[in-house]
Amino acid sequence: MLERSKIISRLELQKAFPLIVNGVKLGKYIADFCYLDLDGREVVEDVKSEPTKTAVYRIKCKLMIALYGIRIVEVM
Protein backbone atom coordinates (compact mmCIF):
# COMPACT_ATOMS: atom_id res chain seq x y z
CA MET A 1 0.00 0.00 0.00
CA LEU A 2 2.76 2.44 0.89
CA GLU A 3 4.44 1.91 -2.46
CA ARG A 4 1.17 2.35 -4.39
CA SER A 5 0.46 5.58 -2.50
CA LYS A 6 4.00 6.84 -3.34
CA ILE A 7 5.05 7.13 0.34
CA ILE A 8 7.88 4.69 -0.35
CA SER A 9 9.54 3.44 -3.54
CA ARG A 10 11.83 0.62 -4.71
CA LEU A 11 10.61 -1.87 -2.11
CA GLU A 12 12.86 -4.94 -1.91
CA LEU A 13 12.42 -8.05 0.20
CA GLN A 14 15.33 -10.05 1.63
CA LYS A 15 18.02 -7.68 0.30
CA ALA A 16 21.55 -8.92 1.08
CA PHE A 17 24.34 -6.57 2.17
CA PRO A 18 27.88 -8.03 2.07
CA LEU A 19 29.84 -7.29 5.25
CA ILE A 20 33.39 -6.73 4.02
CA VAL A 21 36.07 -5.16 6.23
CA ASN A 22 39.58 -4.49 4.90
CA GLY A 23 38.91 -6.76 1.94
CA VAL A 24 37.78 -9.66 4.14
CA LYS A 25 34.21 -10.88 3.80
CA LEU A 26 32.87 -11.46 7.30
CA GLY A 27 29.43 -12.55 6.14
CA LYS A 28 26.28 -10.83 5.01
CA TYR A 29 23.26 -9.15 6.50
CA ILE A 30 19.90 -9.97 4.93
CA ALA A 31 17.28 -7.31 5.57
CA ASP A 32 13.61 -8.18 5.73
CA PHE A 33 12.59 -5.00 3.86
CA CYS A 34 14.45 -2.17 2.10
CA TYR A 35 12.91 0.86 0.44
CA LEU A 36 13.45 4.53 -0.32
CA ASP A 37 11.54 7.04 1.79
CA LEU A 38 10.07 10.32 0.52
CA ASP A 39 13.48 12.02 0.84
CA GLY A 40 15.18 9.29 -1.21
CA ARG A 41 17.00 7.77 1.79
CA GLU A 42 17.38 4.02 1.97
CA VAL A 43 15.50 2.51 4.90
CA VAL A 44 16.30 -0.99 6.11
CA GLU A 45 13.71 -2.74 8.29
CA ASP A 46 13.96 -6.00 10.17
CA VAL A 47 11.19 -7.77 12.06
CA LYS A 48 12.64 -8.60 15.48
CA SER A 49 11.55 -9.94 18.84
CA GLU A 50 13.75 -10.22 21.92
CA PRO A 51 14.78 -13.85 21.24
CA THR A 52 15.95 -12.97 17.72
CA LYS A 53 18.19 -10.09 18.86
CA THR A 54 21.25 -12.32 19.13
CA ALA A 55 24.85 -11.23 19.65
CA VAL A 56 25.56 -11.92 15.97
CA TYR A 57 22.60 -9.73 14.95
CA ARG A 58 23.85 -6.88 17.18
CA ILE A 59 27.33 -7.06 15.59
CA LYS A 60 25.77 -7.02 12.12
CA CYS A 61 23.79 -3.91 13.09
CA LYS A 62 27.02 -2.16 14.07
CA LEU A 63 28.69 -3.27 10.83
CA MET A 64 25.77 -1.88 8.80
CA ILE A 65 26.27 1.51 10.45
CA ALA A 66 30.06 1.43 10.01
CA LEU A 67 30.07 0.15 6.42
CA TYR A 68 26.91 1.66 4.92
CA GLY A 69 25.82 4.39 7.32
CA ILE A 70 22.50 2.54 7.65
CA ARG A 71 20.75 2.19 10.99
CA ILE A 72 18.37 -0.79 10.94
CA VAL A 73 14.78 0.00 11.89
CA GLU A 74 13.38 -2.80 14.04
CA VAL A 75 9.67 -3.55 13.88
CA MET A 76 7.65 -6.12 15.77
PDB file of N, CA and C in Angstrom:
ATOM      1  N   MET A   1       0.817  -1.196   0.000  1.00  0.00           N
ATOM      2  CA  MET A   1       0.000   0.000   0.000  1.00  0.00           C
ATOM      3  C   MET A   1       0.858   1.256   0.000  1.00  0.00           C
ATOM      4  N   LEU A   2       1.913   1.252   0.814  1.00  0.00           N
ATOM      5  CA  LEU A   2       2.757   2.443   0.886  1.00  0.00           C
ATOM      6  C   LEU A   2       3.427   2.747  -0.446  1.00  0.00           C
ATOM      7  N   GLU A   3       3.803   1.707  -1.165  1.00  0.00           N
ATOM      8  CA  GLU A   3       4.438   1.914  -2.461  1.00  0.00           C
ATOM      9  C   GLU A   3       3.413   2.435  -3.473  1.00  0.00           C
ATOM     10  N   ARG A   4       2.220   1.885  -3.462  1.00  0.00           N
ATOM     11  CA  ARG A   4       1.171   2.348  -4.388  1.00  0.00           C
ATOM     12  C   ARG A   4       0.773   3.789  -4.109  1.00  0.00           C
ATOM     13  N   SER A   5       0.821   4.200  -2.844  1.00  0.00           N
ATOM     14  CA  SER A   5       0.457   5.578  -2.497  1.00  0.00           C
ATOM     15  C   SER A   5       1.653   6.531  -2.581  1.00  0.00           C
ATOM     16  N   LYS A   6       2.792   6.037  -3.084  1.00  0.00           N
ATOM     17  CA  LYS A   6       3.999   6.842  -3.340  1.00  0.00           C
ATOM     18  C   LYS A   6       4.667   7.361  -2.073  1.00  0.00           C
ATOM     19  N   ILE A   7       4.380   6.753  -0.914  1.00  0.00           N
ATOM     20  CA  ILE A   7       5.051   7.129   0.335  1.00  0.00           C
ATOM     21  C   ILE A   7       6.443   6.516   0.370  1.00  0.00           C
ATOM     22  N   ILE A   8       6.573   5.321  -0.207  1.00  0.00           N
ATOM     23  CA  ILE A   8       7.882   4.687  -0.352  1.00  0.00           C
ATOM     24  C   ILE A   8       8.045   4.254  -1.812  1.00  0.00           C
ATOM     25  N   SER A   9       9.291   3.952  -2.189  1.00  0.00           N
ATOM     26  CA  SER A   9       9.539   3.444  -3.540  1.00  0.00           C
ATOM     27  C   SER A   9      10.650   2.399  -3.479  1.00  0.00           C
ATOM     28  N   ARG A  10      10.778   1.637  -4.550  1.00  0.00           N
ATOM     29  CA  ARG A  10      11.831   0.620  -4.713  1.00  0.00           C
ATOM     30  C   ARG A  10      11.863  -0.389  -3.562  1.00  0.00           C
ATOM     31  N   LEU A  11      10.705  -0.874  -3.182  1.00  0.00           N
ATOM     32  CA  LEU A  11      10.605  -1.865  -2.113  1.00  0.00           C
ATOM     33  C   LEU A  11      11.293  -3.161  -2.542  1.00  0.00           C
ATOM     34  N   GLU A  12      12.177  -3.670  -1.675  1.00  0.00           N
ATOM     35  CA  GLU A  12      12.862  -4.939  -1.905  1.00  0.00           C
ATOM     36  C   GLU A  12      12.706  -5.814  -0.673  1.00  0.00           C
ATOM     37  N   LEU A  13      12.505  -7.095  -0.898  1.00  0.00           N
ATOM     38  CA  LEU A  13      12.422  -8.054   0.201  1.00  0.00           C
ATOM     39  C   LEU A  13      13.692  -8.883   0.235  1.00  0.00           C
ATOM     40  N   GLN A  14      14.163  -9.173   1.431  1.00  0.00           N
ATOM     41  CA  GLN A  14      15.327 -10.047   1.629  1.00  0.00           C
ATOM     42  C   GLN A  14      16.575  -9.551   0.883  1.00  0.00           C
ATOM     43  N   LYS A  15      16.836  -8.244   0.944  1.00  0.00           N
ATOM     44  CA  LYS A  15      18.020  -7.685   0.297  1.00  0.00           C
ATOM     45  C   LYS A  15      19.270  -8.043   1.109  1.00  0.00           C
ATOM     46  N   ALA A  16      20.297  -8.521   0.422  1.00  0.00           N
ATOM     47  CA  ALA A  16      21.548  -8.920   1.077  1.00  0.00           C
ATOM     48  C   ALA A  16      22.571  -7.796   0.992  1.00  0.00           C
ATOM     49  N   PHE A  17      23.250  -7.538   2.093  1.00  0.00           N
ATOM     50  CA  PHE A  17      24.340  -6.573   2.167  1.00  0.00           C
ATOM     51  C   PHE A  17      25.611  -7.333   2.554  1.00  0.00           C
ATOM     52  N   PRO A  18      26.628  -7.365   1.690  1.00  0.00           N
ATOM     53  CA  PRO A  18      27.880  -8.027   2.072  1.00  0.00           C
ATOM     54  C   PRO A  18      28.576  -7.231   3.178  1.00  0.00           C
ATOM     55  N   LEU A  19      29.129  -7.923   4.135  1.00  0.00           N
ATOM     56  CA  LEU A  19      29.839  -7.290   5.250  1.00  0.00           C
ATOM     57  C   LEU A  19      31.329  -7.547   5.050  1.00  0.00           C
ATOM     58  N   ILE A  20      31.980  -6.602   4.389  1.00  0.00           N
ATOM     59  CA  ILE A  20      33.394  -6.731   4.022  1.00  0.00           C
ATOM     60  C   ILE A  20      34.195  -5.659   4.742  1.00  0.00           C
ATOM     61  N   VAL A  21      35.204  -6.090   5.487  1.00  0.00           N
ATOM     62  CA  VAL A  21      36.068  -5.165   6.229  1.00  0.00           C
ATOM     63  C   VAL A  21      37.512  -5.422   5.808  1.00  0.00           C
ATOM     64  N   ASN A  22      38.176  -4.382   5.350  1.00  0.00           N
ATOM     65  CA  ASN A  22      39.575  -4.490   4.897  1.00  0.00           C
ATOM     66  C   ASN A  22      39.762  -5.621   3.887  1.00  0.00           C
ATOM     67  N   GLY A  23      38.811  -5.755   2.978  1.00  0.00           N
ATOM     68  CA  GLY A  23      38.905  -6.764   1.938  1.00  0.00           C
ATOM     69  C   GLY A  23      38.541  -8.176   2.378  1.00  0.00           C
ATOM     70  N   VAL A  24      38.128  -8.335   3.621  1.00  0.00           N
ATOM     71  CA  VAL A  24      37.783  -9.657   4.145  1.00  0.00           C
ATOM     72  C   VAL A  24      36.260  -9.738   4.316  1.00  0.00           C
ATOM     73  N   LYS A  25      35.648 -10.709   3.656  1.00  0.00           N
ATOM     74  CA  LYS A  25      34.208 -10.885   3.799  1.00  0.00           C
ATOM     75  C   LYS A  25      33.913 -11.606   5.106  1.00  0.00           C
ATOM     76  N   LEU A  26      33.209 -10.890   5.999  1.00  0.00           N
ATOM     77  CA  LEU A  26      32.866 -11.456   7.304  1.00  0.00           C
ATOM     78  C   LEU A  26      31.546 -12.199   7.265  1.00  0.00           C
ATOM     79  N   GLY A  27      30.749 -11.931   6.265  1.00  0.00           N
ATOM     80  CA  GLY A  27      29.431 -12.547   6.145  1.00  0.00           C
ATOM     81  C   GLY A  27      28.527 -11.604   5.391  1.00  0.00           C
ATOM     82  N   LYS A  28      27.226 -11.735   5.641  1.00  0.00           N
ATOM     83  CA  LYS A  28      26.277 -10.832   5.013  1.00  0.00           C
ATOM     84  C   LYS A  28      25.112 -10.594   5.955  1.00  0.00           C
ATOM     85  N   TYR A  29      24.473  -9.468   5.759  1.00  0.00           N
ATOM     86  CA  TYR A  29      23.256  -9.150   6.495  1.00  0.00           C
ATOM     87  C   TYR A  29      22.119  -9.187   5.487  1.00  0.00           C
ATOM     88  N   ILE A  30      21.060  -9.902   5.807  1.00  0.00           N
ATOM     89  CA  ILE A  30      19.901  -9.970   4.935  1.00  0.00           C
ATOM     90  C   ILE A  30      18.749  -9.242   5.620  1.00  0.00           C
ATOM     91  N   ALA A  31      18.352  -8.139   5.014  1.00  0.00           N
ATOM     92  CA  ALA A  31      17.277  -7.313   5.566  1.00  0.00           C
ATOM     93  C   ALA A  31      15.927  -7.902   5.191  1.00  0.00           C
ATOM     94  N   ASP A  32      14.956  -7.734   6.064  1.00  0.00           N
ATOM     95  CA  ASP A  32      13.606  -8.182   5.732  1.00  0.00           C
ATOM     96  C   ASP A  32      13.013  -7.286   4.648  1.00  0.00           C
ATOM     97  N   PHE A  33      13.148  -5.966   4.810  1.00  0.00           N
ATOM     98  CA  PHE A  33      12.593  -4.998   3.860  1.00  0.00           C
ATOM     99  C   PHE A  33      13.573  -3.849   3.661  1.00  0.00           C
ATOM    100  N   CYS A  34      13.684  -3.384   2.426  1.00  0.00           N
ATOM    101  CA  CYS A  34      14.447  -2.172   2.105  1.00  0.00           C
ATOM    102  C   CYS A  34      13.597  -1.344   1.159  1.00  0.00           C
ATOM    103  N   TYR A  35      13.663  -0.028   1.328  1.00  0.00           N
ATOM    104  CA  TYR A  35      12.909   0.863   0.442  1.00  0.00           C
ATOM    105  C   TYR A  35      13.493   2.267   0.542  1.00  0.00           C
ATOM    106  N   LEU A  36      13.074   3.125  -0.370  1.00  0.00           N
ATOM    107  CA  LEU A  36      13.452   4.531  -0.319  1.00  0.00           C
ATOM    108  C   LEU A  36      12.282   5.310   0.271  1.00  0.00           C
ATOM    109  N   ASP A  37      12.592   6.218   1.209  1.00  0.00           N
ATOM    110  CA  ASP A  37      11.538   7.044   1.786  1.00  0.00           C
ATOM    111  C   ASP A  37      11.278   8.257   0.887  1.00  0.00           C
ATOM    112  N   LEU A  38      10.422   9.153   1.328  1.00  0.00           N
ATOM    113  CA  LEU A  38      10.071  10.319   0.520  1.00  0.00           C
ATOM    114  C   LEU A  38      11.256  11.216   0.193  1.00  0.00           C
ATOM    115  N   ASP A  39      12.283  11.207   1.059  1.00  0.00           N
ATOM    116  CA  ASP A  39      13.481  12.023   0.842  1.00  0.00           C
ATOM    117  C   ASP A  39      14.539  11.281   0.032  1.00  0.00           C
ATOM    118  N   GLY A  40      14.237  10.064  -0.411  1.00  0.00           N
ATOM    119  CA  GLY A  40      15.182   9.295  -1.206  1.00  0.00           C
ATOM    120  C   GLY A  40      16.225   8.549  -0.391  1.00  0.00           C
ATOM    121  N   ARG A  41      16.057   8.505   0.930  1.00  0.00           N
ATOM    122  CA  ARG A  41      16.995   7.771   1.791  1.00  0.00           C
ATOM    123  C   ARG A  41      16.613   6.304   1.842  1.00  0.00           C
ATOM    124  N   GLU A  42      17.637   5.455   1.863  1.00  0.00           N
ATOM    125  CA  GLU A  42      17.381   4.023   1.968  1.00  0.00           C
ATOM    126  C   GLU A  42      17.038   3.675   3.414  1.00  0.00           C
ATOM    127  N   VAL A  43      15.939   2.967   3.585  1.00  0.00           N
ATOM    128  CA  VAL A  43      15.496   2.509   4.901  1.00  0.00           C
ATOM    129  C   VAL A  43      15.575   0.991   4.900  1.00  0.00           C
ATOM    130  N   VAL A  44      16.167   0.451   5.957  1.00  0.00           N
ATOM    131  CA  VAL A  44      16.298  -0.994   6.110  1.00  0.00           C
ATOM    132  C   VAL A  44      15.508  -1.393   7.353  1.00  0.00           C
ATOM    133  N   GLU A  45      14.547  -2.288   7.174  1.00  0.00           N
ATOM    134  CA  GLU A  45      13.711  -2.736   8.287  1.00  0.00           C
ATOM    135  C   GLU A  45      13.904  -4.225   8.525  1.00  0.00           C
ATOM    136  N   ASP A  46      13.847  -4.601   9.789  1.00  0.00           N
ATOM    137  CA  ASP A  46      13.956  -5.999  10.165  1.00  0.00           C
ATOM    138  C   ASP A  46      12.906  -6.283  11.234  1.00  0.00           C
ATOM    139  N   VAL A  47      12.177  -7.353  11.067  1.00  0.00           N
ATOM    140  CA  VAL A  47      11.186  -7.770  12.061  1.00  0.00           C
ATOM    141  C   VAL A  47      11.933  -8.532  13.158  1.00  0.00           C
ATOM    142  N   LYS A  48      11.869  -8.017  14.376  1.00  0.00           N
ATOM    143  CA  LYS A  48      12.640  -8.602  15.480  1.00  0.00           C
ATOM    144  C   LYS A  48      11.790  -8.713  16.735  1.00  0.00           C
ATOM    145  N   SER A  49      12.068  -9.779  17.486  1.00  0.00           N
ATOM    146  CA  SER A  49      11.553  -9.941  18.842  1.00  0.00           C
ATOM    147  C   SER A  49      12.781 -10.120  19.728  1.00  0.00           C
ATOM    148  N   GLU A  50      12.603 -10.087  21.016  1.00  0.00           N
ATOM    149  CA  GLU A  50      13.754 -10.216  21.923  1.00  0.00           C
ATOM    150  C   GLU A  50      14.581 -11.474  21.670  1.00  0.00           C
ATOM    151  N   PRO A  51      13.959 -12.650  21.465  1.00  0.00           N
ATOM    152  CA  PRO A  51      14.781 -13.850  21.241  1.00  0.00           C
ATOM    153  C   PRO A  51      15.619 -13.803  19.956  1.00  0.00           C
ATOM    154  N   THR A  52      15.201 -13.006  18.982  1.00  0.00           N
ATOM    155  CA  THR A  52      15.951 -12.967  17.718  1.00  0.00           C
ATOM    156  C   THR A  52      17.025 -11.879  17.692  1.00  0.00           C
ATOM    157  N   LYS A  53      17.142 -11.116  18.764  1.00  0.00           N
ATOM    158  CA  LYS A  53      18.193 -10.093  18.856  1.00  0.00           C
ATOM    159  C   LYS A  53      19.453 -10.719  19.448  1.00  0.00           C
ATOM    160  N   THR A  54      20.073 -11.575  18.676  1.00  0.00           N
ATOM    161  CA  THR A  54      21.250 -12.316  19.128  1.00  0.00           C
ATOM    162  C   THR A  54      22.496 -11.436  19.109  1.00  0.00           C
ATOM    163  N   ALA A  55      23.571 -11.948  19.676  1.00  0.00           N
ATOM    164  CA  ALA A  55      24.850 -11.233  19.652  1.00  0.00           C
ATOM    165  C   ALA A  55      25.331 -11.027  18.222  1.00  0.00           C
ATOM    166  N   VAL A  56      25.149 -12.028  17.376  1.00  0.00           N
ATOM    167  CA  VAL A  56      25.559 -11.916  15.969  1.00  0.00           C
ATOM    168  C   VAL A  56      24.755 -10.821  15.283  1.00  0.00           C
ATOM    169  N   TYR A  57      23.449 -10.774  15.525  1.00  0.00           N
ATOM    170  CA  TYR A  57      22.604  -9.725  14.949  1.00  0.00           C
ATOM    171  C   TYR A  57      23.080  -8.339  15.393  1.00  0.00           C
ATOM    172  N   ARG A  58      23.397  -8.193  16.666  1.00  0.00           N
ATOM    173  CA  ARG A  58      23.848  -6.883  17.175  1.00  0.00           C
ATOM    174  C   ARG A  58      25.163  -6.446  16.512  1.00  0.00           C
ATOM    175  N   ILE A  59      26.067  -7.384  16.289  1.00  0.00           N
ATOM    176  CA  ILE A  59      27.326  -7.065  15.592  1.00  0.00           C
ATOM    177  C   ILE A  59      27.031  -6.649  14.158  1.00  0.00           C
ATOM    178  N   LYS A  60      26.121  -7.365  13.494  1.00  0.00           N
ATOM    179  CA  LYS A  60      25.773  -7.016  12.120  1.00  0.00           C
ATOM    180  C   LYS A  60      25.148  -5.626  12.043  1.00  0.00           C
ATOM    181  N   CYS A  61      24.363  -5.261  13.045  1.00  0.00           N
ATOM    182  CA  CYS A  61      23.786  -3.908  13.093  1.00  0.00           C
ATOM    183  C   CYS A  61      24.890  -2.854  13.143  1.00  0.00           C
ATOM    184  N   LYS A  62      25.898  -3.096  13.960  1.00  0.00           N
ATOM    185  CA  LYS A  62      27.018  -2.163  14.070  1.00  0.00           C
ATOM    186  C   LYS A  62      27.815  -2.107  12.770  1.00  0.00           C
ATOM    187  N   LEU A  63      27.993  -3.249  12.120  1.00  0.00           N
ATOM    188  CA  LEU A  63      28.691  -3.269  10.833  1.00  0.00           C
ATOM    189  C   LEU A  63      27.905  -2.519   9.763  1.00  0.00           C
ATOM    190  N   MET A  64      26.588  -2.619   9.773  1.00  0.00           N
ATOM    191  CA  MET A  64      25.766  -1.884   8.804  1.00  0.00           C
ATOM    192  C   MET A  64      25.943  -0.377   8.964  1.00  0.00           C
ATOM    193  N   ILE A  65      26.036   0.079  10.211  1.00  0.00           N
ATOM    194  CA  ILE A  65      26.268   1.505  10.454  1.00  0.00           C
ATOM    195  C   ILE A  65      27.666   1.891   9.973  1.00  0.00           C
ATOM    196  N   ALA A  66      28.669   1.108  10.342  1.00  0.00           N
ATOM    197  CA  ALA A  66      30.057   1.427  10.007  1.00  0.00           C
ATOM    198  C   ALA A  66      30.318   1.357   8.502  1.00  0.00           C
ATOM    199  N   LEU A  67      29.769   0.357   7.831  1.00  0.00           N
ATOM    200  CA  LEU A  67      30.070   0.147   6.416  1.00  0.00           C
ATOM    201  C   LEU A  67      29.156   0.927   5.472  1.00  0.00           C
ATOM    202  N   TYR A  68      27.895   1.062   5.835  1.00  0.00           N
ATOM    203  CA  TYR A  68      26.913   1.657   4.920  1.00  0.00           C
ATOM    204  C   TYR A  68      26.258   2.929   5.449  1.00  0.00           C
ATOM    205  N   GLY A  69      26.488   3.230   6.729  1.00  0.00           N
ATOM    206  CA  GLY A  69      25.818   4.389   7.318  1.00  0.00           C
ATOM    207  C   GLY A  69      24.313   4.170   7.477  1.00  0.00           C
ATOM    208  N   ILE A  70      23.922   2.907   7.551  1.00  0.00           N
ATOM    209  CA  ILE A  70      22.497   2.545   7.649  1.00  0.00           C
ATOM    210  C   ILE A  70      22.204   2.016   9.041  1.00  0.00           C
ATOM    211  N   ARG A  71      21.235   2.644   9.685  1.00  0.00           N
ATOM    212  CA  ARG A  71      20.746   2.194  10.989  1.00  0.00           C
ATOM    213  C   ARG A  71      19.499   1.346  10.732  1.00  0.00           C
ATOM    214  N   ILE A  72      19.492   0.129  11.186  1.00  0.00           N
ATOM    215  CA  ILE A  72      18.371  -0.785  10.942  1.00  0.00           C
ATOM    216  C   ILE A  72      17.189  -0.386  11.818  1.00  0.00           C
ATOM    217  N   VAL A  73      16.015  -0.299  11.183  1.00  0.00           N
ATOM    218  CA  VAL A  73      14.784   0.000  11.893  1.00  0.00           C
ATOM    219  C   VAL A  73      14.159  -1.338  12.267  1.00  0.00           C
ATOM    220  N   GLU A  74      13.961  -1.545  13.561  1.00  0.00           N
ATOM    221  CA  GLU A  74      13.385  -2.795  14.043  1.00  0.00           C
ATOM    222  C   GLU A  74      11.878  -2.619  14.250  1.00  0.00           C
ATOM    223  N   VAL A  75      11.130  -3.556  13.706  1.00  0.00           N
ATOM    224  CA  VAL A  75       9.670  -3.547  13.880  1.00  0.00           C
ATOM    225  C   VAL A  75       9.259  -4.890  14.466  1.00  0.00           C
ATOM    226  N   MET A  76       8.137  -4.877  15.164  1.00  0.00           N
ATOM    227  CA  MET A  76       7.649  -6.119  15.771  1.00  0.00           C
ATOM    228  C   MET A  76       6.460  -6.636  15.003  1.00  0.00           C
TER     229      MET A  76
END
